[in-house]
C-alpha cells in the first residue's frame, strides 16, 4: 500500500504538533503494531525508512490518516492507495 509518512514536530505552542521535514513517500511493508517497527520501502526498492518501536496508533475517523507514536517520535501516516484491511486490524 502506498503511503506518505511525515514526522510531527514537538513545538510546545502548537496543538498536536505540525509537519516537520520532508515527507517519506513509499510502500508500507507491514501494518504498524505496538512493539514493532514501522518500515516503508522507497520507490527505488533499494532503501527503507525504519522507525523505532511503535507505542500507539490512532486513526482519524472517516479518513485514511493515522497518527503513530514511536519510542522517540510522532508521525502522521496518510494512505494514498492500496488495501486498508491490513491497517483496519490495528484499531
PDB file of N, CA and C in Angstrom:
ATOM      1  N   UNK A   1       0.834  -1.158   0.000  1.00  0.00           N
ATOM      2  CA  UNK A   1       0.000   0.000   0.000  1.00  0.00           C
ATOM      3  C   UNK A   1       0.885   1.230   0.000  1.00  0.00           C
ATOM      4  N   UNK A   2       0.560   2.214  -0.819  1.00  0.00           N
ATOM      5  CA  UNK A   2       1.345   3.433  -0.934  1.00  0.00           C
ATOM      6  C   UNK A   2       0.950   4.415   0.151  1.00  0.00           C
ATOM      7  N   UNK A   3       1.949   4.985   0.827  1.00  0.00           N
ATOM      8  CA  UNK A   3       1.697   5.882   1.948  1.00  0.00           C
ATOM      9  C   UNK A   3       2.625   7.087   1.909  1.00  0.00           C
ATOM     10  N   UNK A   4       2.243   8.108   2.694  1.00  0.00           N
ATOM     11  CA  UNK A   4       3.092   9.275   2.921  1.00  0.00           C
ATOM     12  C   UNK A   4       3.254   9.381   4.433  1.00  0.00           C
ATOM     13  N   UNK A   5       4.486   9.395   4.898  1.00  0.00           N
ATOM     14  CA  UNK A   5       4.784   9.481   6.322  1.00  0.00           C
ATOM     15  C   UNK A   5       5.466  10.817   6.592  1.00  0.00           C
ATOM     16  N   UNK A   6       4.919  11.577   7.545  1.00  0.00           N
ATOM     17  CA  UNK A   6       5.510  12.861   7.929  1.00  0.00           C
ATOM     18  C   UNK A   6       5.785  12.853   9.420  1.00  0.00           C
ATOM     19  N   UNK A   7       6.978  13.286   9.786  1.00  0.00           N
ATOM     20  CA  UNK A   7       7.337  13.401  11.189  1.00  0.00           C
ATOM     21  C   UNK A   7       6.684  14.660  11.744  1.00  0.00           C
ATOM     22  N   UNK A   8       6.108  14.568  12.944  1.00  0.00           N
ATOM     23  CA  UNK A   8       5.441  15.697  13.580  1.00  0.00           C
ATOM     24  C   UNK A   8       6.420  16.384  14.521  1.00  0.00           C
ATOM     25  N   UNK A   9       6.345  17.716  14.566  1.00  0.00           N
ATOM     26  CA  UNK A   9       7.244  18.475  15.448  1.00  0.00           C
ATOM     27  C   UNK A   9       6.749  18.385  16.883  1.00  0.00           C
ATOM     28  N   UNK A  10       7.600  18.745  17.790  1.00  0.00           N
ATOM     29  CA  UNK A  10       7.237  18.764  19.206  1.00  0.00           C
ATOM     30  C   UNK A  10       7.149  20.205  19.708  1.00  0.00           C
ATOM     31  N   UNK A  11       6.695  21.104  18.838  1.00  0.00           N
ATOM     32  CA  UNK A  11       6.567  22.508  19.222  1.00  0.00           C
ATOM     33  C   UNK A  11       5.578  22.634  20.367  1.00  0.00           C
ATOM     34  N   UNK A  12       5.978  23.327  21.423  1.00  0.00           N
ATOM     35  CA  UNK A  12       5.125  23.428  22.610  1.00  0.00           C
ATOM     36  C   UNK A  12       3.942  24.351  22.383  1.00  0.00           C
ATOM     37  N   UNK A  13       4.033  25.303  21.465  1.00  0.00           N
ATOM     38  CA  UNK A  13       2.960  26.249  21.245  1.00  0.00           C
ATOM     39  C   UNK A  13       1.850  25.726  20.360  1.00  0.00           C
ATOM     40  N   UNK A  14       2.092  24.664  19.607  1.00  0.00           N
ATOM     41  CA  UNK A  14       1.060  24.169  18.697  1.00  0.00           C
ATOM     42  C   UNK A  14       0.364  22.950  19.283  1.00  0.00           C
ATOM     43  N   UNK A  15      -0.908  22.858  18.999  1.00  0.00           N
ATOM     44  CA  UNK A  15      -1.703  21.741  19.497  1.00  0.00           C
ATOM     45  C   UNK A  15      -1.518  20.551  18.553  1.00  0.00           C
ATOM     46  N   UNK A  16      -1.001  19.468  19.049  1.00  0.00           N
ATOM     47  CA  UNK A  16      -0.827  18.264  18.248  1.00  0.00           C
ATOM     48  C   UNK A  16       0.398  18.258  17.354  1.00  0.00           C
ATOM     49  N   UNK A  17       1.135  19.337  17.329  1.00  0.00           N
ATOM     50  CA  UNK A  17       2.337  19.394  16.508  1.00  0.00           C
ATOM     51  C   UNK A  17       2.017  19.764  15.079  1.00  0.00           C
ATOM     52  N   UNK A  18       3.043  20.063  14.328  1.00  0.00           N
ATOM     53  CA  UNK A  18       2.878  20.399  12.919  1.00  0.00           C
ATOM     54  C   UNK A  18       3.903  19.607  12.117  1.00  0.00           C
ATOM     55  N   UNK A  19       3.632  19.409  10.799  1.00  0.00           N
ATOM     56  CA  UNK A  19       4.578  18.641   9.995  1.00  0.00           C
ATOM     57  C   UNK A  19       5.965  19.270   9.999  1.00  0.00           C
ATOM     58  N   UNK A  20       6.962  18.438   9.999  1.00  0.00           N
ATOM     59  CA  UNK A  20       8.351  18.892  10.063  1.00  0.00           C
ATOM     60  C   UNK A  20       9.166  18.069   9.080  1.00  0.00           C
ATOM     61  N   UNK A  21      10.104  18.705   8.392  1.00  0.00           N
ATOM     62  CA  UNK A  21      10.984  17.964   7.495  1.00  0.00           C
ATOM     63  C   UNK A  21      10.274  17.478   6.249  1.00  0.00           C
ATOM     64  N   UNK A  22      10.954  16.636   5.492  1.00  0.00           N
ATOM     65  CA  UNK A  22      10.376  16.152   4.242  1.00  0.00           C
ATOM     66  C   UNK A  22       9.508  14.918   4.481  1.00  0.00           C
ATOM     67  N   UNK A  23       8.611  14.705   3.553  1.00  0.00           N
ATOM     68  CA  UNK A  23       7.728  13.548   3.642  1.00  0.00           C
ATOM     69  C   UNK A  23       8.448  12.314   3.100  1.00  0.00           C
ATOM     70  N   UNK A  24       8.158  11.181   3.695  1.00  0.00           N
ATOM     71  CA  UNK A  24       8.669   9.905   3.204  1.00  0.00           C
ATOM     72  C   UNK A  24       7.532   9.261   2.418  1.00  0.00           C
ATOM     73  N   UNK A  25       7.730   9.097   1.120  1.00  0.00           N
ATOM     74  CA  UNK A  25       6.719   8.508   0.251  1.00  0.00           C
ATOM     75  C   UNK A  25       7.210   7.139  -0.172  1.00  0.00           C
ATOM     76  N   UNK A  26       6.364   6.146  -0.011  1.00  0.00           N
ATOM     77  CA  UNK A  26       6.773   4.802  -0.385  1.00  0.00           C
ATOM     78  C   UNK A  26       5.693   3.782  -0.113  1.00  0.00           C
ATOM     79  N   UNK A  27       6.132   2.548   0.008  1.00  0.00           N
ATOM     80  CA  UNK A  27       5.210   1.432   0.200  1.00  0.00           C
ATOM     81  C   UNK A  27       5.363   0.903   1.620  1.00  0.00           C
ATOM     82  N   UNK A  28       4.249   0.831   2.327  1.00  0.00           N
ATOM     83  CA  UNK A  28       4.244   0.300   3.688  1.00  0.00           C
ATOM     84  C   UNK A  28       4.408  -1.215   3.617  1.00  0.00           C
ATOM     85  N   UNK A  29       5.456  -1.748   4.260  1.00  0.00           N
ATOM     86  CA  UNK A  29       5.736  -3.180   4.168  1.00  0.00           C
ATOM     87  C   UNK A  29       4.928  -4.016   5.151  1.00  0.00           C
ATOM     88  N   UNK A  30       4.617  -3.436   6.308  1.00  0.00           N
ATOM     89  CA  UNK A  30       3.774  -4.159   7.270  1.00  0.00           C
ATOM     90  C   UNK A  30       2.992  -3.158   8.098  1.00  0.00           C
ATOM     91  N   UNK A  31       1.844  -3.571   8.541  1.00  0.00           N
ATOM     92  CA  UNK A  31       0.972  -2.683   9.317  1.00  0.00           C
ATOM     93  C   UNK A  31       1.643  -2.288  10.632  1.00  0.00           C
ATOM     94  N   UNK A  32       1.448  -1.050  11.078  1.00  0.00           N
ATOM     95  CA  UNK A  32       2.037  -0.634  12.357  1.00  0.00           C
ATOM     96  C   UNK A  32       1.374  -1.352  13.521  1.00  0.00           C
ATOM     97  N   UNK A  33       2.161  -1.964  14.357  1.00  0.00           N
ATOM     98  CA  UNK A  33       1.660  -2.678  15.533  1.00  0.00           C
ATOM     99  C   UNK A  33       2.483  -2.269  16.744  1.00  0.00           C
ATOM    100  N   UNK A  34       1.846  -2.255  17.876  1.00  0.00           N
ATOM    101  CA  UNK A  34       2.534  -1.899  19.107  1.00  0.00           C
ATOM    102  C   UNK A  34       3.713  -2.842  19.334  1.00  0.00           C
ATOM    103  N   UNK A  35       4.879  -2.244  19.587  1.00  0.00           N
ATOM    104  CA  UNK A  35       6.085  -3.027  19.845  1.00  0.00           C
ATOM    105  C   UNK A  35       6.914  -3.338  18.613  1.00  0.00           C
ATOM    106  N   UNK A  36       6.326  -3.192  17.413  1.00  0.00           N
ATOM    107  CA  UNK A  36       7.058  -3.473  16.172  1.00  0.00           C
ATOM    108  C   UNK A  36       7.508  -2.165  15.536  1.00  0.00           C
ATOM    109  N   UNK A  37       8.475  -2.239  14.649  1.00  0.00           N
ATOM    110  CA  UNK A  37       8.937  -1.045  13.938  1.00  0.00           C
ATOM    111  C   UNK A  37       8.078  -0.829  12.694  1.00  0.00           C
ATOM    112  N   UNK A  38       8.016   0.408  12.233  1.00  0.00           N
ATOM    113  CA  UNK A  38       7.294   0.773  11.018  1.00  0.00           C
ATOM    114  C   UNK A  38       8.319   0.813   9.889  1.00  0.00           C
ATOM    115  N   UNK A  39       8.064   0.092   8.798  1.00  0.00           N
ATOM    116  CA  UNK A  39       9.016   0.012   7.686  1.00  0.00           C
ATOM    117  C   UNK A  39       8.332   0.480   6.405  1.00  0.00           C
ATOM    118  N   UNK A  40       8.948   1.480   5.764  1.00  0.00           N
ATOM    119  CA  UNK A  40       8.447   1.991   4.484  1.00  0.00           C
ATOM    120  C   UNK A  40       9.556   1.850   3.458  1.00  0.00           C
ATOM    121  N   UNK A  41       9.237   1.186   2.349  1.00  0.00           N
ATOM    122  CA  UNK A  41      10.198   0.983   1.272  1.00  0.00           C
ATOM    123  C   UNK A  41      10.092   2.133   0.281  1.00  0.00           C
ATOM    124  N   UNK A  42      11.238   2.739  -0.079  1.00  0.00           N
ATOM    125  CA  UNK A  42      11.262   3.820  -1.053  1.00  0.00           C
ATOM    126  C   UNK A  42      10.941   3.273  -2.440  1.00  0.00           C
ATOM    127  N   UNK A  43      10.449   4.136  -3.345  1.00  0.00           N
ATOM    128  CA  UNK A  43      10.099   3.690  -4.704  1.00  0.00           C
ATOM    129  C   UNK A  43      11.236   3.012  -5.464  1.00  0.00           C
ATOM    130  N   UNK A  44      12.492   3.344  -5.143  1.00  0.00           N
ATOM    131  CA  UNK A  44      13.616   2.721  -5.854  1.00  0.00           C
ATOM    132  C   UNK A  44      13.799   1.250  -5.477  1.00  0.00           C
ATOM    133  N   UNK A  45      13.165   0.821  -4.395  1.00  0.00           N
ATOM    134  CA  UNK A  45      13.259  -0.569  -3.969  1.00  0.00           C
ATOM    135  C   UNK A  45      14.564  -0.927  -3.283  1.00  0.00           C
ATOM    136  N   UNK A  46      15.477   0.019  -3.168  1.00  0.00           N
ATOM    137  CA  UNK A  46      16.786  -0.252  -2.583  1.00  0.00           C
ATOM    138  C   UNK A  46      16.928   0.239  -1.149  1.00  0.00           C
ATOM    139  N   UNK A  47      16.071   1.165  -0.751  1.00  0.00           N
ATOM    140  CA  UNK A  47      16.196   1.768   0.566  1.00  0.00           C
ATOM    141  C   UNK A  47      14.892   1.663   1.342  1.00  0.00           C
ATOM    142  N   UNK A  48      15.017   1.704   2.659  1.00  0.00           N
ATOM    143  CA  UNK A  48      13.853   1.635   3.537  1.00  0.00           C
ATOM    144  C   UNK A  48      13.966   2.699   4.616  1.00  0.00           C
ATOM    145  N   UNK A  49      12.827   3.160   5.105  1.00  0.00           N
ATOM    146  CA  UNK A  49      12.764   4.060   6.259  1.00  0.00           C
ATOM    147  C   UNK A  49      12.221   3.228   7.406  1.00  0.00           C
ATOM    148  N   UNK A  50      12.964   3.151   8.496  1.00  0.00           N
ATOM    149  CA  UNK A  50      12.578   2.317   9.633  1.00  0.00           C
ATOM    150  C   UNK A  50      12.506   3.202  10.876  1.00  0.00           C
ATOM    151  N   UNK A  51      11.396   3.099  11.605  1.00  0.00           N
ATOM    152  CA  UNK A  51      11.223   3.879  12.828  1.00  0.00           C
ATOM    153  C   UNK A  51      11.651   3.066  14.043  1.00  0.00           C
ATOM    154  N   UNK A  52      11.625   3.709  15.187  1.00  0.00           N
ATOM    155  CA  UNK A  52      11.806   2.992  16.445  1.00  0.00           C
ATOM    156  C   UNK A  52      10.494   2.260  16.748  1.00  0.00           C
ATOM    157  N   UNK A  53      10.446   1.378  17.749  1.00  0.00           N
ATOM    158  CA  UNK A  53       9.224   0.614  18.030  1.00  0.00           C
ATOM    159  C   UNK A  53       7.996   1.498  18.291  1.00  0.00           C
ATOM    160  N   UNK A  54       6.859   1.061  17.766  1.00  0.00           N
ATOM    161  CA  UNK A  54       5.592   1.783  17.880  1.00  0.00           C
ATOM    162  C   UNK A  54       5.020   1.628  19.291  1.00  0.00           C
ATOM    163  N   UNK A  55       4.562   2.758  19.854  1.00  0.00           N
ATOM    164  CA  UNK A  55       3.910   2.742  21.164  1.00  0.00           C
ATOM    165  C   UNK A  55       2.389   2.820  21.033  1.00  0.00           C
ATOM    166  N   UNK A  56       1.902   3.708  20.128  1.00  0.00           N
ATOM    167  CA  UNK A  56       0.457   3.900  19.956  1.00  0.00           C
ATOM    168  C   UNK A  56       0.130   4.170  18.495  1.00  0.00           C
ATOM    169  N   UNK A  57      -1.099   3.771  18.084  1.00  0.00           N
ATOM    170  CA  UNK A  57      -1.603   4.058  16.743  1.00  0.00           C
ATOM    171  C   UNK A  57      -3.015   4.609  16.891  1.00  0.00           C
ATOM    172  N   UNK A  58      -3.256   5.793  16.301  1.00  0.00           N
ATOM    173  CA  UNK A  58      -4.578   6.418  16.314  1.00  0.00           C
ATOM    174  C   UNK A  58      -5.032   6.631  14.889  1.00  0.00           C
ATOM    175  N   UNK A  59      -6.341   6.440  14.629  1.00  0.00           N
ATOM    176  CA  UNK A  59      -6.902   6.645  13.288  1.00  0.00           C
ATOM    177  C   UNK A  59      -7.890   7.798  13.332  1.00  0.00           C
ATOM    178  N   UNK A  60      -7.847   8.668  12.308  1.00  0.00           N
ATOM    179  CA  UNK A  60      -8.813   9.752  12.174  1.00  0.00           C
ATOM    180  C   UNK A  60     -10.069   9.137  11.568  1.00  0.00           C
ATOM    181  N   UNK A  61     -11.212   9.308  12.234  1.00  0.00           N
ATOM    182  CA  UNK A  61     -12.483   8.723  11.782  1.00  0.00           C
ATOM    183  C   UNK A  61     -12.850   9.205  10.385  1.00  0.00           C
ATOM    184  N   UNK A  62     -13.223   8.280   9.532  1.00  0.00           N
ATOM    185  CA  UNK A  62     -13.685   8.599   8.198  1.00  0.00           C
ATOM    186  C   UNK A  62     -12.594   8.957   7.207  1.00  0.00           C
ATOM    187  N   UNK A  63     -11.343   8.891   7.602  1.00  0.00           N
ATOM    188  CA  UNK A  63     -10.239   9.230   6.699  1.00  0.00           C
ATOM    189  C   UNK A  63      -9.165   8.155   6.775  1.00  0.00           C
ATOM    190  N   UNK A  64      -8.313   8.129   5.769  1.00  0.00           N
ATOM    191  CA  UNK A  64      -7.204   7.172   5.723  1.00  0.00           C
ATOM    192  C   UNK A  64      -5.949   7.816   6.293  1.00  0.00           C
ATOM    193  N   UNK A  65      -6.079   8.395   7.497  1.00  0.00           N
ATOM    194  CA  UNK A  65      -4.967   9.074   8.157  1.00  0.00           C
ATOM    195  C   UNK A  65      -4.770   8.463   9.536  1.00  0.00           C
ATOM    196  N   UNK A  66      -3.525   8.151   9.849  1.00  0.00           N
ATOM    197  CA  UNK A  66      -3.171   7.554  11.135  1.00  0.00           C
ATOM    198  C   UNK A  66      -2.093   8.399  11.798  1.00  0.00           C
ATOM    199  N   UNK A  67      -2.169   8.512  13.112  1.00  0.00           N
ATOM    200  CA  UNK A  67      -1.108   9.159  13.886  1.00  0.00           C
ATOM    201  C   UNK A  67      -0.421   8.066  14.677  1.00  0.00           C
ATOM    202  N   UNK A  68       0.897   8.013  14.558  1.00  0.00           N
ATOM    203  CA  UNK A  68       1.670   6.938  15.166  1.00  0.00           C
ATOM    204  C   UNK A  68       2.702   7.538  16.104  1.00  0.00           C
ATOM    205  N   UNK A  69       2.723   7.037  17.337  1.00  0.00           N
ATOM    206  CA  UNK A  69       3.734   7.453  18.306  1.00  0.00           C
ATOM    207  C   UNK A  69       4.705   6.299  18.472  1.00  0.00           C
ATOM    208  N   UNK A  70       5.996   6.607  18.298  1.00  0.00           N
ATOM    209  CA  UNK A  70       7.026   5.601  18.497  1.00  0.00           C
ATOM    210  C   UNK A  70       7.767   5.912  19.791  1.00  0.00           C
ATOM    211  N   UNK A  71       8.813   5.197  20.060  1.00  0.00           N
ATOM    212  CA  UNK A  71       9.565   5.386  21.294  1.00  0.00           C
ATOM    213  C   UNK A  71      10.113   6.799  21.429  1.00  0.00           C
ATOM    214  N   UNK A  72      10.441   7.451  20.309  1.00  0.00           N
ATOM    215  CA  UNK A  72      11.003   8.797  20.429  1.00  0.00           C
ATOM    216  C   UNK A  72      10.486   9.798  19.404  1.00  0.00           C
ATOM    217  N   UNK A  73       9.439   9.483  18.644  1.00  0.00           N
ATOM    218  CA  UNK A  73       8.910  10.394  17.629  1.00  0.00           C
ATOM    219  C   UNK A  73       7.415  10.207  17.449  1.00  0.00           C
ATOM    220  N   UNK A  74       6.813  11.177  16.755  1.00  0.00           N
ATOM    221  CA  UNK A  74       5.410  11.086  16.383  1.00  0.00           C
ATOM    222  C   UNK A  74       5.311  11.299  14.876  1.00  0.00           C
ATOM    223  N   UNK A  75       4.425  10.527  14.225  1.00  0.00           N
ATOM    224  CA  UNK A  75       4.291  10.571  12.779  1.00  0.00           C
ATOM    225  C   UNK A  75       2.824  10.673  12.374  1.00  0.00           C
ATOM    226  N   UNK A  76       2.622  11.234  11.175  1.00  0.00           N
ATOM    227  CA  UNK A  76       1.311  11.253  10.528  1.00  0.00           C
ATOM    228  C   UNK A  76       1.443  10.366   9.299  1.00  0.00           C
ATOM    229  N   UNK A  77       0.631   9.326   9.204  1.00  0.00           N
ATOM    230  CA  UNK A  77       0.686   8.374   8.101  1.00  0.00           C
ATOM    231  C   UNK A  77      -0.588   8.519   7.275  1.00  0.00           C
ATOM    232  N   UNK A  78      -0.435   8.884   6.014  1.00  0.00           N
ATOM    233  CA  UNK A  78      -1.573   9.044   5.113  1.00  0.00           C
ATOM    234  C   UNK A  78      -1.516   7.947   4.059  1.00  0.00           C
ATOM    235  N   UNK A  79      -2.594   7.181   3.943  1.00  0.00           N
ATOM    236  CA  UNK A  79      -2.657   6.101   2.960  1.00  0.00           C
ATOM    237  C   UNK A  79      -3.083   6.706   1.631  1.00  0.00           C
ATOM    238  N   UNK A  80      -2.253   6.519   0.611  1.00  0.00           N
ATOM    239  CA  UNK A  80      -2.557   7.061  -0.719  1.00  0.00           C
ATOM    240  C   UNK A  80      -3.321   6.051  -1.570  1.00  0.00           C
ATOM    241  N   UNK A  81      -2.900   4.795  -1.529  1.00  0.00           N
ATOM    242  CA  UNK A  81      -3.575   3.751  -2.293  1.00  0.00           C
ATOM    243  C   UNK A  81      -3.231   2.405  -1.681  1.00  0.00           C
ATOM    244  N   UNK A  82      -4.022   1.420  -2.025  1.00  0.00           N
ATOM    245  CA  UNK A  82      -3.781   0.073  -1.509  1.00  0.00           C
ATOM    246  C   UNK A  82      -4.930  -0.378  -0.647  1.00  0.00           C
ATOM    247  N   UNK A  83      -4.810  -1.564  -0.109  1.00  0.00           N
ATOM    248  CA  UNK A  83      -5.876  -2.141   0.702  1.00  0.00           C
ATOM    249  C   UNK A  83      -5.758  -1.679   2.136  1.00  0.00           C
ATOM    250  N   UNK A  84      -6.858  -1.265   2.714  1.00  0.00           N
ATOM    251  CA  UNK A  84      -6.877  -0.783   4.081  1.00  0.00           C
ATOM    252  C   UNK A  84      -7.079  -1.900   5.092  1.00  0.00           C
ATOM    253  N   UNK A  85      -7.366  -3.107   4.632  1.00  0.00           N
ATOM    254  CA  UNK A  85      -7.639  -4.212   5.546  1.00  0.00           C
ATOM    255  C   UNK A  85      -6.508  -4.444   6.545  1.00  0.00           C
ATOM    256  N   UNK A  86      -5.271  -4.293   6.106  1.00  0.00           N
ATOM    257  CA  UNK A  86      -4.116  -4.525   6.985  1.00  0.00           C
ATOM    258  C   UNK A  86      -4.090  -3.511   8.116  1.00  0.00           C
ATOM    259  N   UNK A  87      -4.439  -2.257   7.825  1.00  0.00           N
ATOM    260  CA  UNK A  87      -4.407  -1.229   8.869  1.00  0.00           C
ATOM    261  C   UNK A  87      -5.662  -1.284   9.736  1.00  0.00           C
ATOM    262  N   UNK A  88      -6.774  -1.717   9.185  1.00  0.00           N
ATOM    263  CA  UNK A  88      -8.015  -1.779   9.955  1.00  0.00           C
ATOM    264  C   UNK A  88      -7.887  -2.755  11.126  1.00  0.00           C
ATOM    265  N   UNK A  89      -7.058  -3.770  10.967  1.00  0.00           N
ATOM    266  CA  UNK A  89      -6.860  -4.754  12.036  1.00  0.00           C
ATOM    267  C   UNK A  89      -6.157  -4.162  13.240  1.00  0.00           C
ATOM    268  N   UNK A  90      -5.484  -3.029  13.060  1.00  0.00           N
ATOM    269  CA  UNK A  90      -4.723  -2.400  14.142  1.00  0.00           C
ATOM    270  C   UNK A  90      -5.631  -1.755  15.162  1.00  0.00           C
ATOM    271  N   UNK A  91      -6.779  -1.187  14.710  1.00  0.00           N
ATOM    272  CA  UNK A  91      -7.656  -0.429  15.602  1.00  0.00           C
ATOM    273  C   UNK A  91      -8.183  -1.242  16.742  1.00  0.00           C
TER     274      UNK A  91
END
